[in-house]
Amino acid sequence: MAYQIYNESNDYHRAIERVEGQKALWAQLERIGIQMTGIDIHLTEGHIDAGGMDRVKLRGSSKIRIPVYASPGKGKVITKVPGGISLDFISNEKEFYKVKLINGQEGYINIKDAKR
């Protein structure tokens, strides 16, 4: 998960610490009766082959949220993602990058909000 989000080594280590902190929080919540569910991630050959994909790095810090659109243009926002992360690049479409999100969903990021 951390590698998927951050591909530079310093960011990667901070991301690992963040994931470990999240796991500790879940353990605390379970102790008081709040059940958290995780996502099983199984790597397929397709995931491994995609390891060399081009990436799009979002501008800004993790404190800001960048909209991801369902289609190129100022249409429906399907989600917002933190700045500073990297996503798999799929294609250029007008003034947008088509990207693959961590959950496997595809969407469009305005070129002004990212760099390849």
Protein backbone atom coordinates (compact mmCIF):
# COMPACT_ATOMS: atom_id res chain seq x y z
CA MET A 1 0.00 0.00 0.00
CA ALA A 2 2.76 2.43 0.94
CA TYR A 3 4.76 1.71 -2.20
CA GLN A 4 1.68 2.17 -4.37
CA ILE A 5 1.14 5.65 -2.92
CA TYR A 6 4.69 6.91 -2.53
CA ASN A 7 7.49 5.89 -4.84
CA GLU A 8 10.26 8.10 -3.45
CA SER A 9 12.17 6.45 -0.61
CA ASN A 10 11.59 9.10 2.10
CA ASP A 11 7.88 9.27 1.35
CA TYR A 12 7.74 5.49 1.22
CA HIS A 13 9.12 5.15 4.76
CA ARG A 14 6.69 7.78 6.08
CA ALA A 15 3.85 5.94 4.36
CA ILE A 16 4.86 2.67 6.04
CA GLU A 17 4.82 4.42 9.43
CA ARG A 18 1.37 5.78 8.62
CA VAL A 19 0.04 2.32 7.69
CA GLU A 20 1.55 0.83 10.87
CA GLY A 21 -0.13 3.59 12.90
CA GLN A 22 -3.44 2.81 11.20
CA LYS A 23 -3.08 -0.87 12.10
CA ALA A 24 -2.38 0.06 15.74
CA LEU A 25 -5.48 2.28 15.77
CA TRP A 26 -7.60 -0.58 14.41
CA ALA A 27 -6.27 -2.87 17.15
CA GLN A 28 -7.26 -0.30 19.80
CA LEU A 29 -10.75 0.05 18.30
CA GLU A 30 -11.21 -3.74 18.25
CA ARG A 31 -10.27 -3.88 21.95
CA ILE A 32 -13.23 -1.61 22.75
CA GLY A 33 -15.61 -3.56 20.51
CA ILE A 34 -15.44 -1.65 17.24
CA GLN A 35 -14.69 -4.07 14.42
CA MET A 36 -12.65 -2.74 11.48
CA THR A 37 -12.37 -4.67 8.25
CA GLY A 38 -9.35 -4.64 6.02
CA ILE A 39 -8.95 -5.37 2.34
CA ASP A 40 -7.17 -8.51 1.22
CA ILE A 41 -4.70 -7.62 -1.50
CA HIS A 42 -3.44 -10.42 -3.69
CA LEU A 43 -0.87 -9.63 -6.36
CA THR A 44 -1.52 -11.15 -9.75
CA GLU A 45 0.83 -11.30 -12.71
CA GLY A 46 -1.03 -8.24 -14.05
CA HIS A 47 -0.10 -6.27 -10.92
CA ILE A 48 3.51 -7.34 -11.22
CA ASP A 49 3.60 -6.47 -14.93
CA ALA A 50 2.13 -3.04 -14.10
CA GLY A 51 5.06 -2.36 -11.76
CA GLY A 52 6.89 -0.60 -14.58
CA MET A 53 3.96 1.64 -15.56
CA ASP A 54 4.35 5.36 -15.98
CA ARG A 55 3.29 7.28 -12.90
CA VAL A 56 1.58 10.62 -12.35
CA LYS A 57 2.67 12.54 -9.24
CA LEU A 58 0.02 14.82 -7.80
CA ARG A 59 1.08 18.34 -6.88
CA GLY A 60 0.79 19.72 -3.37
CA SER A 61 0.88 18.11 0.04
CA SER A 62 -1.25 15.43 1.62
CA LYS A 63 -3.22 18.20 3.34
CA ILE A 64 -5.01 19.13 0.11
CA ARG A 65 -7.46 16.98 -1.84
CA ILE A 66 -7.43 16.79 -5.62
CA PRO A 67 -10.63 15.88 -7.47
CA VAL A 68 -10.73 12.79 -9.67
CA TYR A 69 -13.36 13.04 -12.38
CA ALA A 70 -15.45 10.29 -14.02
CA SER A 71 -14.70 11.73 -17.48
CA PRO A 72 -12.28 14.31 -18.88
CA GLY A 73 -13.68 17.73 -18.09
CA LYS A 74 -15.28 19.37 -15.10
CA GLY A 75 -17.91 16.66 -14.72
CA LYS A 76 -18.83 14.36 -11.86
CA VAL A 77 -16.18 14.03 -9.14
CA ILE A 78 -15.84 10.34 -8.22
CA THR A 79 -13.40 10.89 -5.36
CA LYS A 80 -10.77 13.26 -4.02
CA VAL A 81 -7.21 12.11 -3.36
CA PRO A 82 -4.41 13.70 -1.34
CA GLY A 83 -1.71 15.71 -3.07
CA GLY A 84 1.81 14.32 -3.12
CA ILE A 85 0.87 10.75 -4.04
CA SER A 86 1.68 8.91 -7.25
CA LEU A 87 -0.87 7.07 -9.38
CA ASP A 88 -0.53 4.78 -12.39
CA PHE A 89 -0.76 6.71 -15.68
CA ILE A 90 -3.06 5.27 -18.35
CA SER A 91 -3.33 7.97 -21.04
CA ASN A 92 -3.53 11.67 -21.93
CA GLU A 93 -6.99 12.93 -22.78
CA LYS A 94 -7.33 16.62 -23.61
CA GLU A 95 -6.18 18.53 -20.51
CA PHE A 96 -6.43 15.45 -18.27
CA TYR A 97 -4.44 12.41 -17.30
CA LYS A 98 -6.39 9.18 -17.10
CA VAL A 99 -5.10 7.37 -14.00
CA LYS A 100 -5.68 4.16 -12.12
CA LEU A 101 -6.58 4.67 -8.48
CA ILE A 102 -5.35 2.43 -5.69
CA ASN A 103 -8.73 0.65 -5.51
CA GLY A 104 -8.47 -0.26 -9.22
CA GLN A 105 -10.99 2.37 -10.34
CA GLU A 106 -10.01 4.67 -13.22
CA GLY A 107 -10.53 8.41 -13.33
CA TYR A 108 -9.25 11.71 -14.69
CA ILE A 109 -6.93 14.24 -13.02
CA ASN A 110 -6.50 17.75 -14.42
CA ILE A 111 -2.99 18.14 -15.86
CA LYS A 112 -2.56 21.31 -13.76
CA ASP A 113 -2.83 19.16 -10.60
CA ALA A 114 -0.15 16.62 -11.58
CA LYS A 115 3.12 15.95 -13.35
CA ARG A 116 4.48 12.88 -15.16
